[in-house]
Amino acid sequence: MEIETIRFGKITILEDKVITFPKGLLGFSQRRRFVLFPHKEGSPFFWLQCVEDGELAFVLMNPKLVVNDYMIDIDDENLKDLECEDGRGLDVLCIVTIPHDDPRKMTVNLLGPIVINVNKMRAVQLVSTNSAFSHRHPVIAA
């Protein structure tokens, strides 16, 4: 299928690469189909592009690149949404915010990780209550 995007123009994606968020993302509950692809070779960043809205895309990264002992808890309801019983085959990524005026001040949202079941192409965004984390954790240490 082809989708028209604001950042990448027209892109072709395979239907089996579409990730379904049964409940959408926080603030975007009506947008449930996304595709994930690397920013560029060797980059730690990924793009999560909405299939239904070409203007909606997020930059993601592996949270362990900034907090090497980052851990999440997934409850049974989210495991059910992920169609995963044992927690295997799950990838965790977090949304990155990059300020236009100074990219060195980019932050990563460690309180709202995105968990993807790579085998079923289903995902959820968790809401963490772990106060050790921030929704604006600096990516680049001061």
Protein backbone atom coordinates (compact mmCIF):
# COMPACT_ATOMS: atom_id res chain seq x y z
CA MET A 1 0.00 0.00 0.00
CA GLU A 2 1.09 3.60 -0.51
CA ILE A 3 0.63 6.40 1.98
CA GLU A 4 1.26 10.10 1.58
CA THR A 5 3.28 11.65 4.41
CA ILE A 6 4.27 15.21 5.19
CA ARG A 7 7.88 14.30 6.08
CA PHE A 8 8.72 11.52 3.61
CA GLY A 9 6.39 12.13 0.68
CA LYS A 10 4.72 9.08 -0.77
CA ILE A 11 6.00 5.83 0.74
CA THR A 12 5.18 2.22 0.01
CA ILE A 13 4.64 -0.08 2.96
CA LEU A 14 3.77 -3.74 3.22
CA GLU A 15 0.55 -4.55 5.04
CA ASP A 16 2.35 -7.10 7.23
CA LYS A 17 4.64 -4.31 8.51
CA VAL A 18 1.74 -2.27 9.90
CA ILE A 19 1.66 -2.18 13.70
CA THR A 20 -1.79 -2.01 15.29
CA PHE A 21 -2.34 -0.12 18.54
CA PRO A 22 -5.72 -1.44 19.79
CA LYS A 23 -6.19 1.66 21.98
CA GLY A 24 -4.15 4.12 19.96
CA LEU A 25 -1.48 6.34 21.50
CA LEU A 26 -2.00 8.79 24.35
CA GLY A 27 -3.76 11.80 22.87
CA PHE A 28 -4.30 10.00 19.55
CA SER A 29 -6.75 7.23 20.44
CA GLN A 30 -8.37 7.28 16.98
CA ARG A 31 -5.05 6.62 15.21
CA ARG A 32 -4.29 2.93 15.48
CA ARG A 33 -2.18 1.86 12.51
CA PHE A 34 1.49 2.77 12.27
CA VAL A 35 4.64 1.68 10.53
CA LEU A 36 8.09 1.74 12.15
CA PHE A 37 11.30 2.34 10.23
CA PRO A 38 14.85 3.47 11.00
CA HIS A 39 15.74 7.15 10.69
CA LYS A 40 18.84 6.21 8.71
CA GLU A 41 21.49 3.52 8.82
CA GLY A 42 23.49 3.62 12.04
CA SER A 43 21.10 6.04 13.76
CA PRO A 44 19.66 5.21 17.20
CA PHE A 45 16.34 6.78 16.14
CA PHE A 46 13.26 5.33 14.47
CA TRP A 47 10.16 6.88 12.92
CA LEU A 48 6.70 5.73 13.94
CA GLN A 49 4.57 6.95 11.04
CA CYS A 50 0.79 6.87 11.21
CA VAL A 51 -0.74 5.06 8.25
CA GLU A 52 -4.09 6.84 8.62
CA ASP A 53 -2.69 10.38 8.98
CA GLY A 54 0.37 11.37 6.95
CA GLU A 55 1.00 14.36 9.21
CA LEU A 56 1.37 12.24 12.37
CA ALA A 57 4.79 10.73 13.08
CA PHE A 58 6.95 10.29 16.15
CA VAL A 59 10.68 9.87 16.70
CA LEU A 60 11.45 6.87 18.90
CA MET A 61 14.52 5.33 20.49
CA ASN A 62 15.51 2.43 22.71
CA PRO A 63 15.37 3.79 26.29
CA LYS A 64 18.29 1.60 27.35
CA LEU A 65 20.55 3.87 25.30
CA VAL A 66 20.02 6.58 27.92
CA VAL A 67 19.12 4.53 31.03
CA ASN A 68 20.87 1.17 30.73
CA ASP A 69 18.85 -0.44 33.54
CA TYR A 70 15.46 0.79 32.25
CA MET A 71 12.71 -1.70 33.10
CA ILE A 72 8.94 -1.70 32.68
CA ASP A 73 6.08 -3.67 34.21
CA ILE A 74 3.35 -4.91 31.90
CA ASP A 75 0.02 -5.89 33.39
CA ASP A 76 -2.21 -8.70 32.14
CA GLU A 77 -4.57 -6.34 30.29
CA ASN A 78 -1.72 -4.89 28.21
CA LEU A 79 -0.31 -8.37 27.57
CA LYS A 80 -3.75 -9.33 26.28
CA ASP A 81 -3.83 -6.27 23.97
CA LEU A 82 -0.37 -7.29 22.74
CA GLU A 83 -1.60 -10.87 22.20
CA CYS A 84 1.34 -12.02 24.30
CA GLU A 85 1.13 -14.43 27.20
CA ASP A 86 4.72 -14.69 28.37
CA GLY A 87 6.33 -11.31 27.63
CA ARG A 88 8.61 -12.74 24.92
CA GLY A 89 9.10 -11.05 21.58
CA LEU A 90 8.45 -7.58 22.97
CA ASP A 91 10.43 -4.49 22.00
CA VAL A 92 10.34 -1.30 24.06
CA LEU A 93 10.82 2.13 22.51
CA CYS A 94 10.16 5.63 23.84
CA ILE A 95 9.09 8.86 22.17
CA VAL A 96 11.78 11.50 21.70
CA THR A 97 11.11 15.24 21.69
CA ILE A 98 13.63 17.28 19.70
CA PRO A 99 13.43 21.06 20.17
CA HIS A 100 13.83 23.01 16.93
CA ASP A 101 15.98 25.68 18.57
CA ASP A 102 18.54 23.29 20.11
CA PRO A 103 18.50 19.56 19.25
CA ARG A 104 21.08 18.97 22.00
CA LYS A 105 18.23 19.53 24.47
CA MET A 106 16.25 16.54 23.18
CA THR A 107 14.41 14.46 25.75
CA VAL A 108 12.91 10.98 25.88
CA ASN A 109 9.59 10.09 27.52
CA LEU A 110 10.43 7.27 29.93
CA LEU A 111 6.97 7.42 31.55
CA GLY A 112 5.08 6.47 28.38
CA PRO A 113 7.00 3.63 26.74
CA ILE A 114 5.70 1.95 23.61
CA VAL A 115 5.76 -1.84 23.74
CA ILE A 116 5.60 -3.74 20.45
CA ASN A 117 4.91 -7.44 20.01
CA VAL A 118 7.10 -7.93 16.94
CA ASN A 119 5.58 -11.35 16.26
CA LYS A 120 1.96 -10.14 16.16
CA MET A 121 2.61 -6.52 15.06
CA ARG A 122 0.55 -5.18 17.95
CA ALA A 123 1.57 -2.40 20.32
CA VAL A 124 0.49 -0.47 23.38
CA GLN A 125 1.68 2.70 25.04
CA LEU A 126 2.04 2.15 28.76
CA VAL A 127 1.61 4.73 31.48
CA SER A 128 4.35 4.15 34.03
CA THR A 129 3.95 5.22 37.64
CA ASN A 130 7.64 4.74 38.40
CA SER A 131 8.65 8.10 39.86
CA ALA A 132 12.32 7.37 39.11
CA PHE A 133 11.59 8.22 35.48
CA SER A 134 10.59 11.43 33.72
CA HIS A 135 8.59 12.25 30.63
CA ARG A 136 11.46 14.62 29.74
CA HIS A 137 14.61 12.67 30.50
CA PRO A 138 17.61 14.27 28.73
CA VAL A 139 19.00 12.14 25.91
CA ILE A 140 22.36 13.91 26.00
CA ALA A 141 23.87 14.17 29.48
CA ALA A 142 24.72 17.68 30.64
